Amino acid sequence: MLTVRVLTTAEAVEIDVRPARLGSRAIALMFDIFMQMVVLGFLTAAYLIITDLLPEPYGELLRPETVYLIGVALVAVGYPTIVETVSNGRSFGKMIMGLRVIREDGGPIRARHAFTRSLIGLAVEWPGLLMPMVTWAGSLGTMLASRRGRRLGDLAAGTLVVHERRPVPWNLVPGMPAGLALWAADADLSAVDDDLAEAIRQFAARSYHFAEPYRSVLGQSLHAEVKAKVSPAPPSGTPPWLFLVAVLAERRRRAAVQLAATRAVTQRVLPGFGVIPAGTRR
């Protein structure tokens, strides 16, 4: 089952998000660590070149231990801060895994959010300069206990990581309701244009996603508009939702009949038109 949470934006709009859990985030972290090692390698090469070019007294001032610690800190904090700020919350690893960092209210992160997450990550989470074993256990426990999979850096920065690639469920449109086929076959649906039919299809396929009272209000409004354009009226006592589904199903049936008739006429007038010869590859 997919875990989907609802966020309320600053404009009081509710959006569904799928929080990223430990597994996907750990894989994304491995890709990011690889990129950080690449960046650190380039910085090391640049350091060696600079120390060789500088005169002896100045080259000795750049001690390898000090420069290495500064480089690690800059890469560990600077890489995620710069990349996530520029890409709106998507580091290299997150791009591969289809993840993104967002604010708690659903908005894009800023430099301060990315910097806070990176700083907490360096000092506490990974590599964890402050009591690594203790802070690692605390960070892991915090992420597992969080309903949204938030780590300490997310809690401090007011962010969370979500999946961008969400499976889209099939929105099936019901067929012709029982008992309405005869009425629909004789009904005049010429006034129901394609835009109105598309509105019916969207409502029929997604009505269960709508919350009350919006579902009822939208259904009644659509029912009144369609009923005014269809004659004769449906049998007495027909529920509005079944009426809309019957109209949509009948339009689909008539379109299929018309398409079949058009193809038959085309084949009589132009024999072989549209037929792919045997042995020809598509």
C-alpha atoms as a PDB file:
ATOM      1  CA  MET A   1       0.000   0.000   0.000  1.00  0.00           C
ATOM      2  CA  LEU A   2       1.254   3.469  -0.847  1.00  0.00           C
ATOM      3  CA  THR A   3       1.500   5.884   2.076  1.00  0.00           C
ATOM      4  CA  VAL A   4      -0.008   9.169   0.956  1.00  0.00           C
ATOM      5  CA  ARG A   5      -0.143  12.178   3.247  1.00  0.00           C
ATOM      6  CA  VAL A   6      -2.004  15.439   2.841  1.00  0.00           C
ATOM      7  CA  LEU A   7      -0.186  18.772   3.086  1.00  0.00           C
ATOM      8  CA  THR A   8      -1.958  22.085   3.486  1.00  0.00           C
ATOM      9  CA  THR A   9      -0.253  24.915   1.611  1.00  0.00           C
ATOM     10  CA  ALA A  10      -0.093  28.523   2.692  1.00  0.00           C
ATOM     11  CA  GLU A  11      -3.108  29.172   0.433  1.00  0.00           C
ATOM     12  CA  ALA A  12      -5.114  26.535   2.395  1.00  0.00           C
ATOM     13  CA  VAL A  13      -4.985  24.107  -0.554  1.00  0.00           C
ATOM     14  CA  GLU A  14      -4.615  20.430   0.299  1.00  0.00           C
ATOM     15  CA  ILE A  15      -2.169  18.390  -1.789  1.00  0.00           C
ATOM     16  CA  ASP A  16      -1.386  14.681  -1.645  1.00  0.00           C
ATOM     17  CA  VAL A  17       2.247  13.698  -1.221  1.00  0.00           C
ATOM     18  CA  ARG A  18       4.035  10.384  -0.836  1.00  0.00           C
ATOM     19  CA  PRO A  19       6.824  10.744   1.733  1.00  0.00           C
ATOM     20  CA  ALA A  20      10.157   9.119   0.941  1.00  0.00           C
ATOM     21  CA  ARG A  21      11.228   6.472   3.416  1.00  0.00           C
ATOM     22  CA  LEU A  22      14.570   5.163   4.616  1.00  0.00           C
ATOM     23  CA  GLY A  23      15.250   2.800   1.698  1.00  0.00           C
ATOM     24  CA  SER A  24      14.919   5.248  -1.187  1.00  0.00           C
ATOM     25  CA  ARG A  25      16.663   8.000   0.738  1.00  0.00           C
ATOM     26  CA  ALA A  26      19.584   5.737   1.629  1.00  0.00           C
ATOM     27  CA  ILE A  27      20.102   4.835  -2.032  1.00  0.00           C
ATOM     28  CA  ALA A  28      19.911   8.524  -2.998  1.00  0.00           C
ATOM     29  CA  LEU A  29      22.486   9.283  -0.281  1.00  0.00           C
ATOM     30  CA  MET A  30      24.913   6.725  -1.744  1.00  0.00           C
ATOM     31  CA  PHE A  31      24.740   8.438  -5.141  1.00  0.00           C
ATOM     32  CA  ASP A  32      25.288  11.812  -3.476  1.00  0.00           C
ATOM     33  CA  ILE A  33      28.275  10.486  -1.517  1.00  0.00           C
ATOM     34  CA  PHE A  34      29.773   9.266  -4.790  1.00  0.00           C
ATOM     35  CA  MET A  35      29.340  12.731  -6.314  1.00  0.00           C
ATOM     36  CA  GLN A  36      30.868  14.324  -3.230  1.00  0.00           C
ATOM     37  CA  MET A  37      33.877  12.034  -3.523  1.00  0.00           C
ATOM     38  CA  VAL A  38      34.265  13.097  -7.149  1.00  0.00           C
ATOM     39  CA  VAL A  39      34.143  16.771  -6.175  1.00  0.00           C
ATOM     40  CA  LEU A  40      36.592  16.155  -3.334  1.00  0.00           C
ATOM     41  CA  GLY A  41      38.931  14.423  -5.791  1.00  0.00           C
ATOM     42  CA  PHE A  42      38.930  17.463  -8.068  1.00  0.00           C
ATOM     43  CA  LEU A  43      39.640  19.742  -5.097  1.00  0.00           C
ATOM     44  CA  THR A  44      42.508  17.484  -4.009  1.00  0.00           C
ATOM     45  CA  ALA A  45      44.002  17.585  -7.480  1.00  0.00           C
ATOM     46  CA  ALA A  46      43.691  21.373  -7.515  1.00  0.00           C
ATOM     47  CA  TYR A  47      45.419  21.553  -4.100  1.00  0.00           C
ATOM     48  CA  LEU A  48      48.342  19.451  -5.305  1.00  0.00           C
ATOM     49  CA  ILE A  49      48.753  21.592  -8.408  1.00  0.00           C
ATOM     50  CA  ILE A  50      48.631  24.832  -6.410  1.00  0.00           C
ATOM     51  CA  THR A  51      51.154  23.641  -3.811  1.00  0.00           C
ATOM     52  CA  ASP A  52      53.559  22.621  -6.574  1.00  0.00           C
ATOM     53  CA  LEU A  53      53.301  26.016  -8.262  1.00  0.00           C
ATOM     54  CA  LEU A  54      53.681  28.113  -5.108  1.00  0.00           C
ATOM     55  CA  PRO A  55      57.131  28.989  -3.761  1.00  0.00           C
ATOM     56  CA  GLU A  56      58.414  26.803  -0.910  1.00  0.00           C
ATOM     57  CA  PRO A  57      57.572  29.100   2.063  1.00  0.00           C
ATOM     58  CA  TYR A  58      53.976  29.628   0.884  1.00  0.00           C
ATOM     59  CA  GLY A  59      53.419  25.986  -0.019  1.00  0.00           C
ATOM     60  CA  GLU A  60      54.303  24.883   3.527  1.00  0.00           C
ATOM     61  CA  LEU A  61      51.540  27.083   4.940  1.00  0.00           C
ATOM     62  CA  LEU A  62      48.908  24.886   3.281  1.00  0.00           C
ATOM     63  CA  ARG A  63      49.164  21.873   5.563  1.00  0.00           C
ATOM     64  CA  PRO A  64      47.497  18.773   4.064  1.00  0.00           C
ATOM     65  CA  GLU A  65      45.577  17.882   7.238  1.00  0.00           C
ATOM     66  CA  THR A  66      44.026  21.329   7.577  1.00  0.00           C
ATOM     67  CA  VAL A  67      43.216  21.660   3.912  1.00  0.00           C
ATOM     68  CA  TYR A  68      41.660  18.179   3.861  1.00  0.00           C
ATOM     69  CA  LEU A  69      39.326  18.928   6.799  1.00  0.00           C
ATOM     70  CA  ILE A  70      38.300  22.233   5.249  1.00  0.00           C
ATOM     71  CA  GLY A  71      37.666  20.502   1.926  1.00  0.00           C
ATOM     72  CA  VAL A  72      35.520  17.781   3.509  1.00  0.00           C
ATOM     73  CA  ALA A  73      33.454  20.360   5.385  1.00  0.00           C
ATOM     74  CA  LEU A  74      32.980  22.487   2.270  1.00  0.00           C
ATOM     75  CA  VAL A  75      31.939  19.505   0.159  1.00  0.00           C
ATOM     76  CA  ALA A  76      29.658  17.993   2.826  1.00  0.00           C
ATOM     77  CA  VAL A  77      27.840  21.292   3.383  1.00  0.00           C
ATOM     78  CA  GLY A  78      28.373  23.162   0.138  1.00  0.00           C
ATOM     79  CA  TYR A  79      27.462  20.403  -2.316  1.00  0.00           C
ATOM     80  CA  PRO A  80      23.916  19.699  -1.046  1.00  0.00           C
ATOM     81  CA  THR A  81      23.288  23.366  -0.239  1.00  0.00           C
ATOM     82  CA  ILE A  82      24.181  24.629  -3.710  1.00  0.00           C
ATOM     83  CA  VAL A  83      22.711  21.736  -5.686  1.00  0.00           C
ATOM     84  CA  GLU A  84      19.405  21.547  -3.791  1.00  0.00           C
ATOM     85  CA  THR A  85      18.967  25.315  -3.883  1.00  0.00           C
ATOM     86  CA  VAL A  86      19.593  25.583  -7.622  1.00  0.00           C
ATOM     87  CA  SER A  87      17.498  22.508  -8.522  1.00  0.00           C
ATOM     88  CA  ASN A  88      14.608  23.218  -6.121  1.00  0.00           C
ATOM     89  CA  GLY A  89      15.371  20.356  -3.765  1.00  0.00           C
ATOM     90  CA  ARG A  90      16.827  17.743  -6.099  1.00  0.00           C
ATOM     91  CA  SER A  91      20.388  16.571  -5.557  1.00  0.00           C
ATOM     92  CA  PHE A  92      22.045  14.112  -7.923  1.00  0.00           C
ATOM     93  CA  GLY A  93      20.896  11.100  -5.904  1.00  0.00           C
ATOM     94  CA  LYS A  94      17.383  12.441  -5.505  1.00  0.00           C
ATOM     95  CA  MET A  95      17.085  13.015  -9.252  1.00  0.00           C
ATOM     96  CA  ILE A  96      17.930   9.366  -9.865  1.00  0.00           C
ATOM     97  CA  MET A  97      15.461   8.117  -7.240  1.00  0.00           C
ATOM     98  CA  GLY A  98      12.721  10.583  -8.195  1.00  0.00           C
ATOM     99  CA  LEU A  99      12.784  12.453  -4.879  1.00  0.00           C
ATOM    100  CA  ARG A 100      12.532  16.114  -3.998  1.00  0.00           C
ATOM    101  CA  VAL A 101      12.933  18.184  -0.834  1.00  0.00           C
ATOM    102  CA  ILE A 102      10.004  20.518  -0.128  1.00  0.00           C
ATOM    103  CA  ARG A 103       8.912  22.709   2.738  1.00  0.00           C
ATOM    104  CA  GLU A 104       6.329  21.523   5.238  1.00  0.00           C
ATOM    105  CA  ASP A 105       3.712  23.684   3.531  1.00  0.00           C
ATOM    106  CA  GLY A 106       4.482  22.149   0.128  1.00  0.00           C
ATOM    107  CA  GLY A 107       6.504  25.080  -1.233  1.00  0.00           C
ATOM    108  CA  PRO A 108      10.018  24.947  -2.738  1.00  0.00           C
ATOM    109  CA  ILE A 109      12.997  25.136  -0.393  1.00  0.00           C
ATOM    110  CA  ARG A 110      15.381  28.068  -0.222  1.00  0.00           C
ATOM    111  CA  ALA A 111      19.107  28.294   0.510  1.00  0.00           C
ATOM    112  CA  ARG A 112      18.530  28.526   4.261  1.00  0.00           C
ATOM    113  CA  HIS A 113      16.578  25.260   4.268  1.00  0.00           C
ATOM    114  CA  ALA A 114      19.246  23.448   2.251  1.00  0.00           C
ATOM    115  CA  PHE A 115      22.044  24.878   4.413  1.00  0.00           C
ATOM    116  CA  THR A 116      20.334  23.853   7.669  1.00  0.00           C
ATOM    117  CA  ARG A 117      19.771  20.318   6.410  1.00  0.00           C
ATOM    118  CA  SER A 118      23.386  20.038   5.247  1.00  0.00           C
ATOM    119  CA  LEU A 119      24.825  21.449   8.465  1.00  0.00           C
ATOM    120  CA  ILE A 120      22.822  19.077  10.666  1.00  0.00           C
ATOM    121  CA  GLY A 121      23.808  16.233   8.373  1.00  0.00           C
ATOM    122  CA  LEU A 122      27.518  17.020   8.713  1.00  0.00           C
ATOM    123  CA  ALA A 123      27.499  17.514  12.478  1.00  0.00           C
ATOM    124  CA  VAL A 124      24.991  14.880  13.587  1.00  0.00           C
ATOM    125  CA  GLU A 125      23.810  12.522  10.862  1.00  0.00           C
ATOM    126  CA  TRP A 126      26.404  11.859   8.148  1.00  0.00           C
ATOM    127  CA  PRO A 127      29.315  11.668   8.628  1.00  0.00           C
ATOM    128  CA  GLY A 128      28.350  12.904  12.093  1.00  0.00           C
ATOM    129  CA  LEU A 129      31.245  14.814  13.638  1.00  0.00           C
ATOM    130  CA  LEU A 130      29.598  14.851  17.083  1.00  0.00           C
ATOM    131  CA  MET A 131      29.620  11.399  18.751  1.00  0.00           C
ATOM    132  CA  PRO A 132      29.023   9.473  15.505  1.00  0.00           C
ATOM    133  CA  MET A 133      27.692   6.190  16.896  1.00  0.00           C
ATOM    134  CA  VAL A 134      25.228   7.877  19.246  1.00  0.00           C
ATOM    135  CA  THR A 135      24.021  10.448  16.750  1.00  0.00           C
ATOM    136  CA  TRP A 136      23.690   7.855  13.977  1.00  0.00           C
ATOM    137  CA  ALA A 137      21.386   5.751  16.152  1.00  0.00           C
ATOM    138  CA  GLY A 138      19.365   8.815  17.113  1.00  0.00           C
ATOM    139  CA  SER A 139      19.057   9.961  13.508  1.00  0.00           C
ATOM    140  CA  LEU A 140      17.973   6.530  12.298  1.00  0.00           C
ATOM    141  CA  GLY A 141      15.432   6.197  15.107  1.00  0.00           C
ATOM    142  CA  THR A 142      14.022   9.643  14.353  1.00  0.00           C
ATOM    143  CA  MET A 143      13.496   8.826  10.682  1.00  0.00           C
ATOM    144  CA  LEU A 144      11.870   5.465  11.417  1.00  0.00           C
ATOM    145  CA  ALA A 145       9.562   6.972  14.035  1.00  0.00           C
ATOM    146  CA  SER A 146       8.476   9.890  11.856  1.00  0.00           C
ATOM    147  CA  ARG A 147       5.206   9.418   9.969  1.00  0.00           C
ATOM    148  CA  ARG A 148       6.724  11.340   7.049  1.00  0.00           C
ATOM    149  CA  GLY A 149      10.184   9.799   7.236  1.00  0.00           C
ATOM    150  CA  ARG A 150      11.779  13.085   8.342  1.00  0.00           C
ATOM    151  CA  ARG A 151      15.341  13.100   9.634  1.00  0.00           C
ATOM    152  CA  LEU A 152      16.825  15.535  12.135  1.00  0.00           C
ATOM    153  CA  GLY A 153      17.881  17.897   9.357  1.00  0.00           C
ATOM    154  CA  ASP A 154      14.308  17.975   8.053  1.00  0.00           C
ATOM    155  CA  LEU A 155      12.927  18.718  11.513  1.00  0.00           C
ATOM    156  CA  ALA A 156      15.407  21.560  12.006  1.00  0.00           C
ATOM    157  CA  ALA A 157      14.819  23.069   8.555  1.00  0.00           C
ATOM    158  CA  GLY A 158      11.059  22.486   8.372  1.00  0.00           C
ATOM    159  CA  THR A 159      11.286  20.272   5.282  1.00  0.00           C
ATOM    160  CA  LEU A 160      10.457  16.767   4.117  1.00  0.00           C
ATOM    161  CA  VAL A 161      11.430  14.554   1.179  1.00  0.00           C
ATOM    162  CA  VAL A 162       8.694  13.271  -1.138  1.00  0.00           C
ATOM    163  CA  HIS A 163       8.412  11.080  -4.220  1.00  0.00           C
ATOM    164  CA  GLU A 164       7.916  12.931  -7.493  1.00  0.00           C
ATOM    165  CA  ARG A 165       7.112   9.775  -9.456  1.00  0.00           C
ATOM    166  CA  ARG A 166       3.761   8.630  -8.152  1.00  0.00           C
ATOM    167  CA  PRO A 167       1.848   5.715  -9.662  1.00  0.00           C
ATOM    168  CA  VAL A 168      -1.299   7.003 -11.339  1.00  0.00           C
ATOM    169  CA  PRO A 169      -4.333   4.832 -10.546  1.00  0.00           C
ATOM    170  CA  TRP A 170      -6.654   3.743 -13.313  1.00  0.00           C
ATOM    171  CA  ASN A 171      -9.805   5.861 -13.411  1.00  0.00           C
ATOM    172  CA  LEU A 172     -12.323   3.496 -14.991  1.00  0.00           C
ATOM    173  CA  VAL A 173     -15.576   4.879 -16.351  1.00  0.00           C
ATOM    174  CA  PRO A 174     -18.587   2.576 -15.693  1.00  0.00           C
ATOM    175  CA  GLY A 175     -20.525   1.143 -18.605  1.00  0.00           C
ATOM    176  CA  MET A 176     -24.215   1.444 -19.408  1.00  0.00           C
ATOM    177  CA  PRO A 177     -26.345   1.066 -16.243  1.00  0.00           C
ATOM    178  CA  ALA A 178     -28.859  -1.747 -16.261  1.00  0.00           C
ATOM    179  CA  GLY A 179     -32.336  -0.610 -17.270  1.00  0.00           C
ATOM    180  CA  LEU A 180     -31.268   2.561 -19.089  1.00  0.00           C
ATOM    181  CA  ALA A 181     -30.013   1.084 -22.365  1.00  0.00           C
ATOM    182  CA  LEU A 182     -33.413   1.279 -24.153  1.00  0.00           C
ATOM    183  CA  TRP A 183     -34.051   4.852 -23.047  1.00  0.00           C
ATOM    184  CA  ALA A 184     -30.519   5.943 -24.014  1.00  0.00           C
ATOM    185  CA  ALA A 185     -30.800   4.351 -27.482  1.00  0.00           C
ATOM    186  CA  ASP A 186     -33.802   6.574 -28.326  1.00  0.00           C
ATOM    187  CA  ALA A 187     -32.598   9.718 -26.552  1.00  0.00           C
ATOM    188  CA  ASP A 188     -31.507  12.819 -28.449  1.00  0.00           C
ATOM    189  CA  LEU A 189     -27.942  13.558 -27.354  1.00  0.00           C
ATOM    190  CA  SER A 190     -26.992  15.939 -30.160  1.00  0.00           C
ATOM    191  CA  ALA A 191     -26.854  18.936 -27.802  1.00  0.00           C
ATOM    192  CA  VAL A 192     -24.255  17.230 -25.580  1.00  0.00           C
ATOM    193  CA  ASP A 193     -20.989  18.447 -27.106  1.00  0.00           C
ATOM    194  CA  ASP A 194     -17.516  17.002 -26.630  1.00  0.00           C
ATOM    195  CA  ASP A 195     -16.544  19.428 -23.855  1.00  0.00           C
ATOM    196  CA  LEU A 196     -19.601  18.547 -21.798  1.00  0.00           C
ATOM    197  CA  ALA A 197     -19.043  14.839 -22.433  1.00  0.00           C
ATOM    198  CA  GLU A 198     -15.437  15.192 -21.242  1.00  0.00           C
ATOM    199  CA  ALA A 199     -16.698  16.893 -18.075  1.00  0.00           C
ATOM    200  CA  ILE A 200     -19.031  13.948 -17.485  1.00  0.00           C
ATOM    201  CA  ARG A 201     -16.219  11.480 -18.048  1.00  0.00           C
ATOM    202  CA  GLN A 202     -13.921  13.266 -15.626  1.00  0.00           C
ATOM    203  CA  PHE A 203     -16.618  13.381 -12.972  1.00  0.00           C
ATOM    204  CA  ALA A 204     -17.604   9.733 -13.439  1.00  0.00           C
ATOM    205  CA  ALA A 205     -13.986   8.559 -13.260  1.00  0.00           C
ATOM    206  CA  ARG A 206     -12.874  10.702 -10.352  1.00  0.00           C
ATOM    207  CA  SER A 207     -15.974  11.367  -8.285  1.00  0.00           C
ATOM    208  CA  TYR A 208     -14.800   9.081  -5.483  1.00  0.00           C
ATOM    209  CA  HIS A 209     -11.770  11.375  -5.004  1.00  0.00           C
ATOM    210  CA  PHE A 210     -13.987  14.370  -4.231  1.00  0.00           C
ATOM    211  CA  ALA A 211     -15.043  15.111  -0.684  1.00  0.00           C
ATOM    212  CA  GLU A 212     -18.525  16.100   0.310  1.00  0.00           C
ATOM    213  CA  PRO A 213     -20.281  18.450  -0.146  1.00  0.00           C
ATOM    214  CA  TYR A 214     -18.236  19.283  -3.280  1.00  0.00           C
ATOM    215  CA  ARG A 215     -19.017  15.954  -4.950  1.00  0.00           C
ATOM    216  CA  SER A 216     -22.784  16.406  -4.545  1.00  0.00           C
ATOM    217  CA  VAL A 217     -22.724  20.048  -5.637  1.00  0.00           C
ATOM    218  CA  LEU A 218     -20.676  19.265  -8.752  1.00  0.00           C
ATOM    219  CA  GLY A 219     -22.800  16.233  -9.582  1.00  0.00           C
ATOM    220  CA  GLN A 220     -26.070  18.149  -9.268  1.00  0.00           C
ATOM    221  CA  SER A 221     -24.769  21.024 -11.363  1.00  0.00           C
ATOM    222  CA  LEU A 222     -23.580  18.663 -14.090  1.00  0.00           C
ATOM    223  CA  HIS A 223     -26.829  16.693 -13.943  1.00  0.00           C
ATOM    224  CA  ALA A 224     -28.940  19.830 -14.399  1.00  0.00           C
ATOM    225  CA  GLU A 225     -26.852  21.005 -17.359  1.00  0.00           C
ATOM    226  CA  VAL A 226     -26.951  17.649 -19.154  1.00  0.00           C
ATOM    227  CA  LYS A 227     -30.626  16.996 -18.421  1.00  0.00           C
ATOM    228  CA  ALA A 228     -31.573  20.303 -20.040  1.00  0.00           C
ATOM    229  CA  LYS A 229     -29.881  19.153 -23.286  1.00  0.00           C
ATOM    230  CA  VAL A 230     -31.233  15.591 -23.444  1.00  0.00           C
ATOM    231  CA  SER A 231     -34.696  14.518 -24.517  1.00  0.00           C
ATOM    232  CA  PRO A 232     -36.750  12.673 -23.587  1.00  0.00           C
ATOM    233  CA  ALA A 233     -36.053  12.827 -19.857  1.00  0.00           C
ATOM    234  CA  PRO A 234     -34.725   9.651 -18.216  1.00  0.00           C
ATOM    235  CA  PRO A 235     -37.150   7.297 -16.443  1.00  0.00           C
ATOM    236  CA  SER A 236     -38.583   8.679 -13.245  1.00  0.00           C
ATOM    237  CA  GLY A 237     -36.455   8.017 -10.193  1.00  0.00           C
ATOM    238  CA  THR A 238     -33.168   7.630 -12.093  1.00  0.00           C
ATOM    239  CA  PRO A 239     -30.300   8.723  -9.841  1.00  0.00           C
ATOM    240  CA  PRO A 240     -28.329  11.679 -11.267  1.00  0.00           C
ATOM    241  CA  TRP A 241     -25.038   9.760 -11.314  1.00  0.00           C
ATOM    242  CA  LEU A 242     -26.534   6.842 -13.293  1.00  0.00           C
ATOM    243  CA  PHE A 243     -28.123   9.300 -15.716  1.00  0.00           C
ATOM    244  CA  LEU A 244     -24.762  10.901 -16.447  1.00  0.00           C
ATOM    245  CA  VAL A 245     -23.063   7.526 -16.882  1.00  0.00           C
ATOM    246  CA  ALA A 246     -25.824   6.384 -19.275  1.00  0.00           C
ATOM    247  CA  VAL A 247     -25.414   9.490 -21.432  1.00  0.00           C
ATOM    248  CA  LEU A 248     -21.669   8.981 -21.607  1.00  0.00           C
ATOM    249  CA  ALA A 249     -21.959   5.275 -22.425  1.00  0.00           C
ATOM    250  CA  GLU A 250     -24.514   5.930 -25.184  1.00  0.00           C
ATOM    251  CA  ARG A 251     -22.325   8.592 -26.804  1.00  0.00           C
ATOM    252  CA  ARG A 252     -19.429   6.139 -26.755  1.00  0.00           C
ATOM    253  CA  ARG A 253     -21.590   3.405 -28.335  1.00  0.00           C
ATOM    254  CA  ARG A 254     -22.835   5.706 -31.095  1.00  0.00           C
ATOM    255  CA  ALA A 255     -19.312   6.899 -31.832  1.00  0.00           C
ATOM    256  CA  ALA A 256     -18.148   3.286 -32.181  1.00  0.00           C
ATOM    257  CA  VAL A 257     -21.051   2.468 -34.536  1.00  0.00           C
ATOM    258  CA  GLN A 258     -20.321   5.541 -36.650  1.00  0.00           C
ATOM    259  CA  LEU A 259     -16.627   4.690 -36.836  1.00  0.00           C
ATOM    260  CA  ALA A 260     -17.387   1.137 -37.947  1.00  0.00           C
ATOM    261  CA  ALA A 261     -19.800   2.400 -40.631  1.00  0.00           C
ATOM    262  CA  THR A 262     -17.232   4.898 -41.908  1.00  0.00           C
ATOM    263  CA  ARG A 263     -14.603   2.189 -42.189  1.00  0.00           C
ATOM    264  CA  ALA A 264     -17.013  -0.071 -44.074  1.00  0.00           C
ATOM    265  CA  VAL A 265     -17.819   2.683 -46.603  1.00  0.00           C
ATOM    266  CA  THR A 266     -14.129   3.439 -47.043  1.00  0.00           C
ATOM    267  CA  GLN A 267     -13.380  -0.186 -47.768  1.00  0.00           C
ATOM    268  CA  ARG A 268     -16.111  -0.341 -50.443  1.00  0.00           C
ATOM    269  CA  VAL A 269     -15.015   2.872 -52.155  1.00  0.00           C
ATOM    270  CA  LEU A 270     -11.280   2.305 -51.789  1.00  0.00           C
ATOM    271  CA  PRO A 271     -10.647  -1.437 -51.553  1.00  0.00           C
ATOM    272  CA  GLY A 272      -7.472  -2.214 -49.670  1.00  0.00           C
ATOM    273  CA  PHE A 273      -7.234   1.291 -48.161  1.00  0.00           C
ATOM    274  CA  GLY A 274      -5.647   1.111 -44.725  1.00  0.00           C
ATOM    275  CA  VAL A 275      -4.815  -2.612 -45.074  1.00  0.00           C
ATOM    276  CA  ILE A 276      -1.165  -3.466 -44.440  1.00  0.00           C
ATOM    277  CA  PRO A 277       0.181  -5.963 -47.004  1.00  0.00           C
ATOM    278  CA  ALA A 278       1.337  -9.322 -45.686  1.00  0.00           C
ATOM    279  CA  GLY A 279       5.009  -9.433 -44.829  1.00  0.00           C
ATOM    280  CA  THR A 280       5.207  -5.663 -44.311  1.00  0.00           C
ATOM    281  CA  ARG A 281       6.528  -4.621 -40.949  1.00  0.00           C
ATOM    282  CA  ARG A 282       4.965  -1.729 -39.062  1.00  0.00           C
END
